[in-house]
Protein backbone atom coordinates (compact mmCIF):
# COMPACT_ATOMS: atom_id res chain seq x y z
CA MET A 1 -23.96 -51.37 33.34
CA GLU A 2 -25.18 -53.12 29.95
CA ILE A 3 -24.81 -52.01 26.09
CA LYS A 4 -28.33 -51.72 24.97
CA LYS A 5 -27.58 -50.43 21.33
CA ILE A 6 -24.61 -49.84 19.07
CA SER A 7 -24.90 -47.39 15.73
CA LYS A 8 -22.01 -47.22 13.45
CA LYS A 9 -21.21 -43.26 12.58
CA LYS A 10 -18.63 -41.56 10.78
CA ASN A 11 -14.82 -41.45 10.70
CA ASN A 12 -14.35 -44.80 12.98
CA LEU A 13 -17.29 -43.84 15.48
CA TYR A 14 -19.46 -45.68 17.25
CA GLN A 15 -22.35 -44.69 19.15
CA ILE A 16 -23.00 -46.73 22.17
CA LEU A 17 -26.16 -46.36 24.51
CA LEU A 18 -26.28 -48.13 27.77
CA SER A 19 -28.82 -49.32 30.31
CA ASP A 20 -29.04 -46.06 32.02
CA ASN A 21 -29.53 -44.06 28.71
CA THR A 22 -25.67 -42.97 28.91
CA SER A 23 -24.62 -42.40 24.98
CA LEU A 24 -21.16 -42.48 24.71
CA SER A 25 -19.06 -42.40 21.31
CA PHE A 26 -16.19 -44.78 20.80
CA TYR A 27 -13.51 -45.48 17.98
CA ASP A 28 -13.47 -48.67 16.45
CA ASP A 29 -10.35 -49.36 18.03
CA THR A 30 -12.07 -49.24 21.60
CA ILE A 31 -15.01 -51.19 20.26
CA ILE A 32 -12.37 -54.04 19.10
CA LYS A 33 -9.79 -54.04 22.16
CA TYR A 34 -12.83 -54.30 24.64
CA ASN A 35 -15.12 -56.91 22.12
CA LEU A 36 -17.96 -54.46 22.70
CA LEU A 37 -21.18 -55.81 21.54
CA VAL A 38 -24.92 -55.49 22.63
CA ASN A 39 -25.93 -57.02 25.89
CA LYS A 40 -22.19 -56.87 26.92
CA THR A 41 -21.96 -55.82 30.88
CA PHE A 42 -18.98 -54.28 32.55
CA ASP A 43 -18.36 -52.37 35.80
CA ASP A 44 -17.60 -48.58 36.43
CA LYS A 45 -13.56 -49.50 36.44
CA THR A 46 -13.75 -51.20 33.12
CA LEU A 47 -15.57 -48.33 31.85
CA GLN A 48 -13.26 -45.73 32.98
CA GLU A 49 -10.44 -47.85 31.33
CA MET A 50 -12.25 -47.62 28.09
CA LEU A 51 -12.86 -43.81 28.30
CA ALA A 52 -9.23 -43.55 28.92
CA PHE A 53 -7.96 -45.79 26.14
CA ASN A 54 -10.82 -44.12 23.90
CA ASN A 55 -9.13 -40.48 24.72
CA GLU A 56 -6.03 -41.89 23.40
CA SER A 57 -7.76 -43.03 19.99
CA ALA A 58 -9.09 -39.61 19.88
CA ALA A 59 -6.00 -37.90 20.16
CA TYR A 60 -4.39 -40.27 17.30
CA TYR A 61 -7.29 -39.85 14.57
CA LYS A 62 -7.21 -36.16 15.45
CA ALA A 63 -3.37 -36.19 14.49
CA LEU A 64 -3.89 -38.45 11.72
CA SER A 65 -6.26 -36.11 10.15
CA TYR A 66 -3.79 -32.97 10.88
CA ILE A 67 -0.85 -34.86 9.23
CA LYS A 68 -3.09 -35.84 6.03
CA ALA A 69 -3.95 -32.13 5.33
CA LYS A 70 0.04 -31.57 5.06
CA LEU A 71 3.29 -32.75 6.36
CA ARG A 72 3.62 -32.03 10.28
CA THR A 73 6.72 -31.83 12.71
CA LYS A 74 6.46 -33.81 16.10
CA LYS A 75 6.12 -29.80 17.31
CA GLU A 76 3.34 -29.36 15.37
CA ILE A 77 1.54 -32.23 16.44
CA GLU A 78 2.20 -31.64 19.90
CA ASP A 79 1.43 -28.16 20.11
CA LYS A 80 -2.16 -29.25 18.01
CA LEU A 81 -2.92 -31.93 20.80
CA LYS A 82 -2.06 -29.89 23.84
CA LYS A 83 -4.33 -26.81 22.12
CA LEU A 84 -7.00 -29.33 21.82
CA GLY A 85 -6.64 -30.22 25.48
CA TYR A 86 -4.83 -33.82 25.73
CA THR A 87 -2.65 -34.23 28.58
CA ASN A 88 1.53 -34.77 28.15
CA ASN A 89 1.00 -38.35 28.48
CA VAL A 90 -1.48 -38.49 25.83
CA VAL A 91 0.36 -36.71 23.47
CA LEU A 92 3.52 -38.64 24.16
CA ASN A 93 1.68 -41.92 23.18
CA THR A 94 0.08 -40.56 20.11
CA ILE A 95 3.44 -39.13 18.91
CA LYS A 96 5.26 -42.79 19.52
CA ARG A 97 2.24 -44.38 17.55
CA LEU A 98 2.69 -42.19 14.48
CA GLU A 99 6.35 -42.57 14.48
CA ASN A 100 5.94 -46.39 14.86
CA GLN A 101 3.47 -46.19 11.56
CA LYS A 102 5.91 -43.99 9.98
CA TYR A 103 3.50 -41.03 9.74
CA LEU A 104 6.33 -38.74 11.20
CA ASN A 105 9.59 -38.55 9.16
CA ASP A 106 11.92 -35.97 10.23
CA ASP A 107 14.05 -36.62 7.20
CA ILE A 108 11.27 -36.23 4.91
CA TYR A 109 9.82 -33.52 6.47
CA ILE A 110 13.04 -31.41 6.09
CA LYS A 111 13.75 -32.14 2.66
CA ALA A 112 10.23 -31.50 1.51
CA TYR A 113 10.40 -28.08 3.45
CA ILE A 114 13.76 -26.93 2.03
CA SER A 115 12.44 -28.00 -1.76
CA ASP A 116 9.34 -25.87 -1.47
CA GLN A 117 11.02 -22.90 0.10
CA VAL A 118 13.75 -22.76 -2.54
CA ASN A 119 11.23 -23.48 -5.36
CA LEU A 120 8.30 -21.37 -4.37
CA THR A 121 9.30 -18.43 -2.52
CA LEU A 122 12.24 -15.81 -2.32
CA LYS A 123 13.72 -17.28 1.06
CA GLY A 124 17.21 -17.64 1.28
CA PRO A 125 19.10 -20.36 3.70
CA ARG A 126 19.33 -18.38 6.96
CA LYS A 127 15.50 -17.83 6.78
CA ILE A 128 14.89 -21.35 5.95
CA ARG A 129 17.02 -22.70 8.53
CA GLN A 130 15.39 -20.29 10.96
CA GLU A 131 11.81 -21.40 10.41
CA LEU A 132 12.89 -25.14 10.53
CA ILE A 133 14.50 -24.54 13.96
CA LYS A 134 11.22 -22.65 14.97
CA LEU A 135 9.52 -25.93 13.92
CA GLY A 136 11.51 -28.01 16.45
CA PHE A 137 14.57 -29.43 14.25
CA LYS A 138 18.11 -29.22 15.81
CA GLU A 139 20.10 -26.69 13.82
CA GLU A 140 22.96 -29.11 13.00
CA ILE A 141 20.55 -31.58 11.29
CA VAL A 142 19.04 -28.88 9.31
CA ASN A 143 22.31 -27.45 8.06
CA THR A 144 23.50 -30.89 7.04
CA TYR A 145 20.29 -30.51 4.66
CA ILE A 146 20.78 -26.58 3.67
CA ASP A 147 24.50 -27.25 3.08
CA LYS A 148 23.83 -29.76 0.02
CA TYR A 149 22.53 -26.56 -1.60
CA CYS A 150 25.25 -24.79 -3.65
CA ASN A 151 26.12 -21.07 -3.73
CA ASP A 152 25.16 -21.08 -7.50
CA LEU A 153 21.19 -21.53 -6.07
CA TRP A 154 21.35 -18.99 -3.85
CA GLU A 155 23.23 -16.47 -6.06
CA GLU A 156 20.76 -17.30 -8.92
CA LYS A 157 17.81 -16.18 -6.82
CA ILE A 158 19.39 -13.33 -5.48
CA ILE A 159 20.63 -12.00 -8.81
CA LYS A 160 16.63 -12.44 -9.87
CA ILE A 161 15.61 -10.50 -6.86
CA ILE A 162 17.60 -7.85 -7.55
CA ASN A 163 16.60 -7.46 -11.32
CA LYS A 164 13.00 -7.44 -9.82
CA LYS A 165 13.66 -4.62 -7.37
CA ILE A 166 15.30 -2.53 -9.71
CA LYS A 167 12.45 -2.52 -11.87
CA SER A 168 9.81 -1.74 -9.33
CA ASN A 169 12.20 1.12 -7.73
CA HIS A 170 13.46 2.74 -10.85
CA ASN A 171 12.74 6.11 -9.10
CA LEU A 172 15.18 5.95 -6.39
CA SER A 173 18.43 7.02 -6.27
CA LYS A 174 21.85 4.38 -6.84
CA LYS A 175 22.43 4.52 -3.44
CA MET A 176 18.61 4.26 -1.76
CA LEU A 177 18.11 1.48 -4.09
CA ILE A 178 21.10 -0.52 -3.08
CA ASN A 179 20.40 0.06 0.33
CA LYS A 180 16.80 -1.22 0.03
CA ILE A 181 17.95 -4.23 -1.65
CA LYS A 182 20.51 -4.80 0.57
CA SER A 183 18.05 -4.97 3.60
CA ASP A 184 15.20 -6.95 1.89
CA LEU A 185 18.09 -9.49 0.83
CA ILE A 186 19.21 -9.77 4.39
CA ASN A 187 15.65 -9.79 5.60
CA LEU A 188 15.15 -12.91 3.34
CA GLY A 189 17.87 -14.34 4.52
CA TYR A 190 20.78 -14.15 2.36
CA ASN A 191 24.41 -13.89 2.98
CA LEU A 192 25.78 -10.22 3.48
CA GLU A 193 29.11 -10.85 1.66
CA MET A 194 27.23 -12.79 -1.30
CA ILE A 195 24.78 -10.21 -1.54
CA ASN A 196 27.56 -7.17 -1.59
CA LYS A 197 29.35 -9.18 -4.66
CA LEU A 198 26.66 -9.54 -6.28
CA LEU A 199 25.46 -5.94 -6.20
CA ASN A 200 28.61 -4.66 -7.07
CA ASN A 201 28.18 -6.70 -10.50
CA ILE A 202 25.02 -5.01 -11.44
CA ASP A 203 24.95 -1.90 -14.14
CA TYR A 204 22.59 0.49 -12.68
CA GLN A 205 20.48 3.47 -14.05
CA ASN A 206 22.47 6.89 -14.31
CA ASP A 207 21.54 8.97 -11.01
CA GLU A 208 21.21 12.12 -13.27
CA GLU A 209 18.65 10.36 -15.44
CA ILE A 210 16.43 9.48 -12.51
CA LEU A 211 17.20 12.79 -10.81
CA ASN A 212 15.96 14.54 -13.93
CA LYS A 213 12.67 12.77 -14.08
CA GLU A 214 12.01 13.06 -10.54
CA ILE A 215 12.58 16.90 -10.40
CA ASN A 216 10.44 17.02 -13.27
CA LYS A 217 7.67 15.13 -11.53
CA ALA A 218 7.58 16.76 -8.22
CA ILE A 219 7.81 20.08 -9.67
CA LYS A 220 4.56 18.99 -11.73
CA LYS A 221 2.91 17.68 -8.84
CA CYS A 222 3.94 20.63 -6.06
CA SER A 223 3.58 23.47 -8.52
CA LYS A 224 -0.37 23.05 -8.34
CA LYS A 225 -0.13 24.12 -4.57
CA TYR A 226 3.74 25.71 -4.05
CA GLN A 227 5.23 28.57 -5.10
CA GLY A 228 8.91 30.21 -4.92
CA LYS A 229 10.81 29.02 -1.89
CA ASP A 230 8.04 26.90 -0.42
CA LEU A 231 8.17 24.83 -4.08
CA GLU A 232 11.99 24.66 -3.84
CA LEU A 233 11.45 23.20 -0.24
CA LYS A 234 8.87 20.65 -1.31
CA VAL A 235 10.54 19.50 -4.10
CA LYS A 236 13.96 18.76 -2.33
CA MET A 237 12.23 17.34 0.23
CA TYR A 238 10.67 14.97 -2.22
CA LEU A 239 14.06 14.17 -3.74
CA TYR A 240 15.50 13.42 -0.57
CA SER A 241 12.75 11.09 0.25
CA LYS A 242 13.98 9.31 -2.88
CA GLY A 243 17.56 9.20 -1.61
CA PHE A 244 18.94 12.29 -3.28
CA ASP A 245 21.26 15.01 -1.67
CA TYR A 246 19.05 17.42 0.07
CA ASN A 247 21.21 20.25 -1.00
CA ILE A 248 20.97 19.39 -4.90
CA ASP A 249 20.31 22.92 -6.78
CA ILE A 250 16.94 22.90 -8.51
CA ASN A 251 16.90 26.11 -9.65
CA ASN A 252 17.53 25.23 -13.16
CA TYR A 253 14.62 23.46 -13.22
CA LEU A 254 12.00 25.66 -11.58
């Protein structure tokens, strides 16, 4: 088999035209390793070797492109290449090559990831830890980095979230508001003991003030369709949905 023509393409690729009119795309790594030139001949065995080597080069450049878009973990690279159909052996060789060239660095990734989550999101330490573990990092390694962030930082984030929740849920009873905030903070990954301590130090709007506003709002809305006992029932159901006692006497407002 003989090379009849070589054409340069984009992204480190060359188009190779063989004597049997077969057209192949080879990366420059393959061109250099096998010293491919016009009129060079080779047998089928060498061709298979070149194709296998070129396949590994393709995996490497795809992984490299994936990394350059943003920092990636080993697991993300492995998952990406396997999804693209590469064998385990090719994936392992690609990971090793990337590591040798310092493209994969767990320390840098974990530090950058935690920093982004702390500064750009509302997430707490437990949620950040869980996400990193899902990305393939060992829990004890993740903990060494998260533990470098002091409690003052997490408390400051919790207080900001609490104040924001209070402003956006001003129509809830104190009991329901606290339960909602607590639930949201737990889901965000904050420590329950820290949450309770900070919630106990917050000044909340008086329930009676909220109740008056909500009763008047409910009466105004429901009285267009309901009267008497039906109106009373609808108002009570509305108040109950906001966390107030269902047995509240609302006759003074009707």
